[in-house]
């Protein structure tokens, strides 16, 4: 079997969780004997060389529609359905912030596609998208897909509710590299006052409220992540709000993150929304306590093992961190992640989905 992975044009230049999900899934599928080639949305594969297409990010239907129209091939979509609506209405900054408070989520996403064209030169690839809008375009992608591959049941339920979609689906949880993230008995080495946040620095990840929660406290906050190229003003706001106990570290390879995960008592991801939070999975596997947003799908992964916070409230963020820092790491958290959430397991479930799609053609 040979599969073409197709994702956003900025997959490598502006890396995110979808980059990790795509690359790791491709690697693991190759280890299972599946041929996988990766293409960006603005490239044109030789579709005849592939049995199946696999797209990522249903929230970007303009990237998907031209390919499915030309290819006439069965396809799957890893939905990675992030709900930006609360962030857009409560925390978005800049000229669009006031306008977005009064618009539907569908029209906001449509305007963002137009803005990427006008500001960044990203071409609008689909005439259907241009004339029919965001909601109908997502519905069309879902209707034509052989199968949707959400990262959780809750993600599919949200997508179904938001867009009236009732398609075949198979849940493919996100994962970790089990060979890399090996827990050690590092309790004596952990800094009880060190709080870690591994995430791209951008508004949705909510580092600004995290900084407000911990600035000038007895905790030491280490923020590891690249600056989002489209949100440099937000990065500068974070820097301006930071106190001496806040440290910024640029993004690094996963191998280099291991020492940070070993030292920190708590990892926090207070995002306005998370489908999973890959760094939360990695930190949990390495023996950290986990603080994560209430908004999104994380509870389906972590249940009562994690501490949850309201991203809008610095006080809620602080209280969750303070509790996680004082409590022992719950027995079973690392084992849960390493047993249930691995890229190897995700690839096997993905291959099962491919087989089902090709059988029902």
Protein backbone atom coordinates (compact mmCIF):
# COMPACT_ATOMS: atom_id res chain seq x y z
CA UNK A 1 0.00 0.00 0.00
CA UNK A 2 1.21 3.51 -0.81
CA UNK A 3 -0.20 6.65 0.81
CA UNK A 4 0.26 10.37 0.15
CA UNK A 5 0.17 12.56 3.27
CA UNK A 6 -0.94 16.13 2.43
CA UNK A 7 -0.91 19.01 4.91
CA UNK A 8 -0.64 22.80 5.22
CA UNK A 9 2.05 24.66 3.31
CA UNK A 10 3.62 25.94 6.56
CA UNK A 11 3.94 22.46 8.10
CA UNK A 12 7.73 22.75 8.50
CA UNK A 13 8.26 26.52 8.56
CA UNK A 14 5.77 27.03 11.43
CA UNK A 15 5.83 23.72 13.26
CA UNK A 16 3.01 22.65 15.55
CA UNK A 17 1.51 19.55 17.07
CA UNK A 18 0.18 18.53 13.68
CA UNK A 19 3.75 18.45 12.38
CA UNK A 20 4.73 15.95 15.05
CA UNK A 21 1.58 13.86 14.52
CA UNK A 22 2.13 13.67 10.76
CA UNK A 23 5.86 12.91 10.86
CA UNK A 24 5.62 10.31 13.62
CA UNK A 25 2.64 8.57 12.02
CA UNK A 26 4.46 8.44 8.68
CA UNK A 27 7.58 6.96 10.28
CA UNK A 28 5.63 4.28 12.13
CA UNK A 29 3.57 3.37 9.05
CA UNK A 30 6.81 2.92 7.09
CA UNK A 31 8.01 0.53 9.78
CA UNK A 32 4.83 -1.49 9.10
CA UNK A 33 5.74 -1.74 5.42
CA UNK A 34 3.49 1.07 4.12
CA UNK A 35 4.92 3.49 1.58
CA UNK A 36 4.34 7.07 2.74
CA UNK A 37 5.30 10.29 0.95
CA UNK A 38 4.65 13.72 2.47
CA UNK A 39 3.43 16.68 0.42
CA UNK A 40 2.52 20.25 1.28
CA UNK A 41 -0.89 21.53 0.21
CA UNK A 42 0.57 23.75 -2.52
CA UNK A 43 2.37 20.81 -4.15
CA UNK A 44 0.85 18.52 -6.79
CA UNK A 45 1.60 14.82 -6.28
CA UNK A 46 1.30 12.22 -9.00
CA UNK A 47 -1.93 10.87 -7.56
CA UNK A 48 -1.81 7.76 -9.74
CA UNK A 49 1.15 6.50 -7.68
CA UNK A 50 -0.96 6.21 -4.51
CA UNK A 51 -3.73 3.96 -3.27
CA UNK A 52 -4.99 6.52 -0.79
CA UNK A 53 -4.60 10.15 0.28
CA UNK A 54 -4.40 11.21 3.93
CA UNK A 55 -5.08 14.85 4.82
CA UNK A 56 -4.48 16.68 8.10
CA UNK A 57 -6.47 19.59 9.64
CA UNK A 58 -10.09 19.59 8.50
CA UNK A 59 -10.26 23.19 9.71
CA UNK A 60 -8.31 24.07 6.50
CA UNK A 61 -10.64 22.73 3.78
CA UNK A 62 -9.14 25.08 1.19
CA UNK A 63 -6.00 22.91 1.40
CA UNK A 64 -7.98 19.72 0.81
CA UNK A 65 -10.67 20.42 -1.77
CA UNK A 66 -8.44 20.94 -4.84
CA UNK A 67 -6.63 17.64 -4.23
CA UNK A 68 -9.74 15.52 -3.84
CA UNK A 69 -11.18 17.10 -6.97
CA UNK A 70 -8.11 16.29 -9.06
CA UNK A 71 -7.12 12.96 -7.53
CA UNK A 72 -10.38 10.99 -7.63
CA UNK A 73 -8.83 8.78 -4.94
CA UNK A 74 -10.22 7.54 -1.61
CA UNK A 75 -8.98 9.57 1.32
CA UNK A 76 -8.88 9.89 5.09
CA UNK A 77 -8.73 13.07 7.16
CA UNK A 78 -7.00 13.45 10.52
CA UNK A 79 -9.41 16.12 11.69
CA UNK A 80 -7.31 17.80 14.45
CA UNK A 81 -10.38 19.94 15.05
CA UNK A 82 -9.35 22.85 17.27
CA UNK A 83 -12.12 25.21 18.40
CA UNK A 84 -10.65 28.71 18.26
CA UNK A 85 -13.91 30.51 19.06
CA UNK A 86 -13.30 31.32 22.72
CA UNK A 87 -9.76 32.50 22.04
CA UNK A 88 -10.96 34.64 19.13
CA UNK A 89 -13.66 36.32 21.21
CA UNK A 90 -11.83 36.68 24.54
CA UNK A 91 -8.11 36.90 23.88
CA UNK A 92 -7.45 37.74 20.23
CA UNK A 93 -5.48 40.97 19.88
CA UNK A 94 -4.85 43.38 17.04
CA UNK A 95 -7.22 45.11 14.58
CA UNK A 96 -9.44 42.04 14.14
CA UNK A 97 -10.09 41.53 17.88
CA UNK A 98 -13.16 43.77 18.11
CA UNK A 99 -14.68 42.50 14.86
CA UNK A 100 -14.28 38.83 15.78
CA UNK A 101 -16.41 39.26 18.90
CA UNK A 102 -19.50 39.58 16.70
CA UNK A 103 -18.84 36.99 13.98
CA UNK A 104 -19.60 33.28 13.74
CA UNK A 105 -16.68 30.83 14.06
CA UNK A 106 -17.22 29.81 10.43
CA UNK A 107 -16.92 33.34 9.10
CA UNK A 108 -13.90 34.04 11.32
CA UNK A 109 -12.08 31.06 9.79
CA UNK A 110 -13.08 32.24 6.31
CA UNK A 111 -11.65 35.70 7.01
CA UNK A 112 -8.42 34.13 8.29
CA UNK A 113 -7.97 32.33 4.96
CA UNK A 114 -8.45 35.64 3.15
CA UNK A 115 -5.96 37.29 5.51
CA UNK A 116 -3.34 34.59 4.87
CA UNK A 117 -3.72 35.37 1.17
CA UNK A 118 -3.52 39.14 1.56
CA UNK A 119 -0.79 39.26 4.22
CA UNK A 120 1.30 36.13 3.63
CA UNK A 121 0.62 35.48 -0.02
CA UNK A 122 -0.92 32.03 0.63
CA UNK A 123 -3.08 31.44 -2.43
CA UNK A 124 -6.74 30.51 -2.06
CA UNK A 125 -6.65 27.17 -3.81
CA UNK A 126 -10.33 26.23 -4.04
CA UNK A 127 -12.99 28.19 -5.91
CA UNK A 128 -15.60 26.12 -4.03
CA UNK A 129 -14.21 27.44 -0.75
CA UNK A 130 -14.12 31.01 -2.02
CA UNK A 131 -17.76 31.03 -3.12
CA UNK A 132 -19.36 28.66 -0.60
CA UNK A 133 -17.53 29.53 2.59
CA UNK A 134 -15.95 27.65 5.46
CA UNK A 135 -18.83 25.61 6.89
CA UNK A 136 -20.04 24.16 3.60
CA UNK A 137 -16.48 23.38 2.57
CA UNK A 138 -15.82 21.35 5.71
CA UNK A 139 -19.13 19.55 5.23
CA UNK A 140 -18.13 18.69 1.65
CA UNK A 141 -14.73 17.34 2.74
CA UNK A 142 -16.35 15.21 5.45
CA UNK A 143 -19.06 13.95 3.10
CA UNK A 144 -16.53 12.76 0.52
CA UNK A 145 -14.01 11.32 3.00
CA UNK A 146 -13.66 7.56 3.26
CA UNK A 147 -13.14 8.03 6.99
CA UNK A 148 -12.47 10.76 9.54
CA UNK A 149 -9.68 10.15 12.06
CA UNK A 150 -10.20 12.33 15.15
CA UNK A 151 -7.77 12.17 18.08
CA UNK A 152 -10.58 11.48 20.56
CA UNK A 153 -14.27 10.63 20.76
CA UNK A 154 -14.92 14.09 22.16
CA UNK A 155 -13.24 15.66 19.14
CA UNK A 156 -15.56 13.80 16.76
CA UNK A 157 -18.58 14.73 18.86
CA UNK A 158 -17.62 18.42 18.74
CA UNK A 159 -17.09 18.27 14.98
CA UNK A 160 -20.41 16.52 14.47
CA UNK A 161 -22.24 19.08 16.60
CA UNK A 162 -20.57 22.11 15.00
CA UNK A 163 -20.94 21.06 11.37
CA UNK A 164 -23.78 18.52 11.34
CA UNK A 165 -21.36 15.80 10.24
CA UNK A 166 -22.24 12.12 10.62
CA UNK A 167 -19.49 10.25 8.83
CA UNK A 168 -17.59 7.01 9.33
CA UNK A 169 -14.78 7.62 11.80
CA UNK A 170 -12.15 5.86 13.81
CA UNK A 171 -10.53 7.45 16.88
CA UNK A 172 -6.73 7.60 16.53
CA UNK A 173 -5.29 8.96 19.79
CA UNK A 174 -2.14 11.03 19.72
CA UNK A 175 1.00 9.52 21.16
CA UNK A 176 4.59 9.65 22.30
CA UNK A 177 7.81 8.00 21.19
CA UNK A 178 7.91 5.19 23.76
CA UNK A 179 11.58 4.46 23.04
CA UNK A 180 12.54 8.06 23.81
CA UNK A 181 10.32 9.10 26.72
CA UNK A 182 11.42 6.55 29.32
CA UNK A 183 10.64 7.46 32.94
CA UNK A 184 13.45 7.27 35.45
CA UNK A 185 13.55 7.40 39.21
CA UNK A 186 14.39 11.10 39.25
CA UNK A 187 12.41 12.20 42.30
CA UNK A 188 15.57 13.34 44.06
CA UNK A 189 16.63 15.36 41.00
CA UNK A 190 13.34 17.18 40.52
CA UNK A 191 13.09 20.85 41.34
CA UNK A 192 9.82 21.20 43.26
CA UNK A 193 9.61 24.89 42.26
CA UNK A 194 10.34 24.42 38.54
CA UNK A 195 7.29 24.72 36.30
CA UNK A 196 7.65 23.80 32.63
CA UNK A 197 5.57 24.79 29.62
CA UNK A 198 6.52 23.34 26.22
CA UNK A 199 4.51 24.98 23.44
CA UNK A 200 4.83 27.37 20.54
CA UNK A 201 4.48 30.91 21.91
CA UNK A 202 1.18 32.15 20.53
CA UNK A 203 -2.12 33.49 21.78
CA UNK A 204 -4.01 30.18 21.77
CA UNK A 205 -1.39 28.56 24.01
CA UNK A 206 -2.03 31.33 26.56
CA UNK A 207 1.49 31.85 27.90
CA UNK A 208 0.59 35.45 28.79
CA UNK A 209 -1.92 34.42 31.46
CA UNK A 210 0.51 31.75 32.66
CA UNK A 211 3.17 34.44 33.10
CA UNK A 212 0.67 36.63 34.94
CA UNK A 213 -0.13 33.69 37.23
CA UNK A 214 3.49 32.96 38.19
CA UNK A 215 5.38 36.27 37.84
CA UNK A 216 7.15 37.28 41.07
CA UNK A 217 6.18 34.07 42.86
CA UNK A 218 8.50 31.50 44.40
CA UNK A 219 8.09 29.29 41.32
CA UNK A 220 10.51 29.28 38.38
CA UNK A 221 8.69 29.11 35.06
CA UNK A 222 10.55 27.79 32.00
CA UNK A 223 8.81 28.45 28.69
CA UNK A 224 10.20 26.34 25.84
CA UNK A 225 8.92 27.05 22.37
CA UNK A 226 9.41 28.86 19.10
CA UNK A 227 7.93 32.29 18.54
CA UNK A 228 4.93 32.10 16.22
CA UNK A 229 5.88 34.07 13.12
CA UNK A 230 2.35 35.46 12.81
CA UNK A 231 2.13 36.59 16.44
CA UNK A 232 5.32 38.44 17.24
CA UNK A 233 3.38 41.14 19.09
CA UNK A 234 2.09 38.46 21.45
CA UNK A 235 5.62 37.21 22.09
CA UNK A 236 6.75 40.73 22.97
CA UNK A 237 3.80 41.09 25.34
CA UNK A 238 4.89 37.92 27.08
CA UNK A 239 8.45 39.20 27.38
CA UNK A 240 7.24 42.53 28.76
CA UNK A 241 5.05 40.83 31.36
CA UNK A 242 7.78 38.42 32.49
CA UNK A 243 9.47 38.82 35.87
CA UNK A 244 12.98 37.58 36.78
CA UNK A 245 11.58 34.15 37.67
CA UNK A 246 10.41 33.59 34.06
CA UNK A 247 12.82 32.03 31.55
CA UNK A 248 12.35 31.79 27.76
CA UNK A 249 14.09 28.96 25.89
CA UNK A 250 13.87 28.48 22.13
CA UNK A 251 12.37 25.32 20.68
CA UNK A 252 14.57 22.23 20.64
CA UNK A 253 14.59 18.65 19.45
CA UNK A 254 12.73 16.12 21.57
CA UNK A 255 15.95 14.50 22.78
CA UNK A 256 17.03 17.81 24.32
CA UNK A 257 13.69 18.18 26.13
CA UNK A 258 14.32 15.08 28.21
CA UNK A 259 16.46 16.86 30.82
CA UNK A 260 13.78 19.50 31.33
CA UNK A 261 11.06 16.87 31.75
CA UNK A 262 13.27 15.05 34.28
CA UNK A 263 13.86 18.19 36.37
CA UNK A 264 10.44 19.84 36.42
CA UNK A 265 7.84 18.83 38.99
CA UNK A 266 4.96 20.22 36.93
CA UNK A 267 4.22 20.72 33.26
CA UNK A 268 1.44 23.19 32.44
CA UNK A 269 -0.49 23.84 29.23
CA UNK A 270 -3.18 26.44 30.04
CA UNK A 271 -4.32 26.85 26.42
CA UNK A 272 -7.58 28.37 25.34
CA UNK A 273 -8.18 24.99 23.70
CA UNK A 274 -6.34 21.66 23.32
CA UNK A 275 -7.28 18.54 21.39
CA UNK A 276 -4.64 16.68 23.40
CA UNK A 277 -1.47 18.58 24.13
CA UNK A 278 1.44 16.46 22.94
CA UNK A 279 3.85 18.01 25.43
CA UNK A 280 1.45 17.04 28.24
CA UNK A 281 1.63 13.41 27.10
CA UNK A 282 5.43 13.56 26.96
CA UNK A 283 5.74 15.20 30.37
CA UNK A 284 3.31 12.71 31.93
CA UNK A 285 5.30 9.81 30.49
CA UNK A 286 8.44 11.28 32.06
CA UNK A 287 6.92 11.56 35.54
CA UNK A 288 5.72 15.17 35.78
CA UNK A 289 2.45 16.25 37.29
CA UNK A 290 0.19 17.72 34.59
CA UNK A 291 -1.78 20.97 34.64
CA UNK A 292 -3.92 21.44 31.56
CA UNK A 293 -6.79 23.52 30.29
CA UNK A 294 -10.39 22.56 30.93
CA UNK A 295 -11.17 23.59 27.36
CA UNK A 296 -11.02 20.76 24.83
CA UNK A 297 -10.44 17.03 24.87
CA UNK A 298 -7.66 16.48 27.41
CA UNK A 299 -9.91 14.89 30.05
CA UNK A 300 -10.50 11.95 27.70
CA UNK A 301 -6.76 11.27 27.85
CA UNK A 302 -5.84 12.12 31.44
CA UNK A 303 -9.05 11.81 33.44
CA UNK A 304 -8.49 12.40 37.16
CA UNK A 305 -4.71 12.09 36.81
CA UNK A 306 -4.38 15.73 35.70
CA UNK A 307 -5.07 19.10 37.30
CA UNK A 308 -7.35 21.38 35.28
CA UNK A 309 -7.45 25.15 35.02
CA UNK A 310 -9.58 27.91 33.50
CA UNK A 311 -7.41 29.59 30.83
CA UNK A 312 -9.17 32.92 31.33
CA UNK A 313 -8.16 33.14 35.00
CA UNK A 314 -4.53 33.57 36.13
CA UNK A 315 -5.71 32.73 39.64
CA UNK A 316 -7.18 29.40 38.47
CA UNK A 317 -3.93 28.64 36.66
CA UNK A 318 -1.90 29.43 39.78
CA UNK A 319 -4.13 27.36 42.08
CA UNK A 320 -3.87 24.31 39.81
CA UNK A 321 -0.08 24.65 39.57
CA UNK A 322 0.28 25.16 43.32
CA UNK A 323 -1.73 22.00 44.02
CA UNK A 324 0.18 19.96 41.42
CA UNK A 325 3.52 21.14 42.79
CA UNK A 326 2.65 20.07 46.33
CA UNK A 327 1.07 16.71 45.46
CA UNK A 328 2.92 13.51 44.66
CA UNK A 329 2.79 12.38 41.03
CA UNK A 330 -0.06 9.83 40.89
CA UNK A 331 0.98 6.23 40.49
CA UNK A 332 -0.04 4.92 37.11
CA UNK A 333 0.06 8.17 35.11
CA UNK A 334 3.29 7.38 33.27
CA UNK A 335 2.22 3.79 32.64
CA UNK A 336 -1.15 4.96 31.29
CA UNK A 337 0.51 7.16 28.67
CA UNK A 338 3.22 4.67 27.72
CA UNK A 339 0.74 1.81 27.37
CA UNK A 340 -2.18 3.54 25.65
CA UNK A 341 -0.79 6.56 23.80
CA UNK A 342 2.13 5.71 21.52
CA UNK A 343 2.84 6.50 17.88
CA UNK A 344 3.24 2.79 17.21
CA UNK A 345 -0.33 2.15 18.40
CA UNK A 346 -1.58 5.16 16.43
CA UNK A 347 0.00 3.83 13.23
CA UNK A 348 -1.57 0.40 13.67
CA UNK A 349 -5.02 1.95 14.12
CA UNK A 350 -4.40 4.21 11.11
CA UNK A 351 -3.48 1.22 8.95
CA UNK A 352 -6.67 -0.54 10.05
CA UNK A 353 -8.62 2.53 8.94
CA UNK A 354 -6.89 2.51 5.53
CA UNK A 355 -7.74 -1.15 5.04
CA UNK A 356 -11.38 -0.49 5.87
CA UNK A 357 -11.55 2.48 3.48
CA UNK A 358 -10.14 0.48 0.60
CA UNK A 359 -12.46 -2.45 1.29
CA UNK A 360 -15.62 -0.34 1.20
CA UNK A 361 -14.85 1.53 -2.02
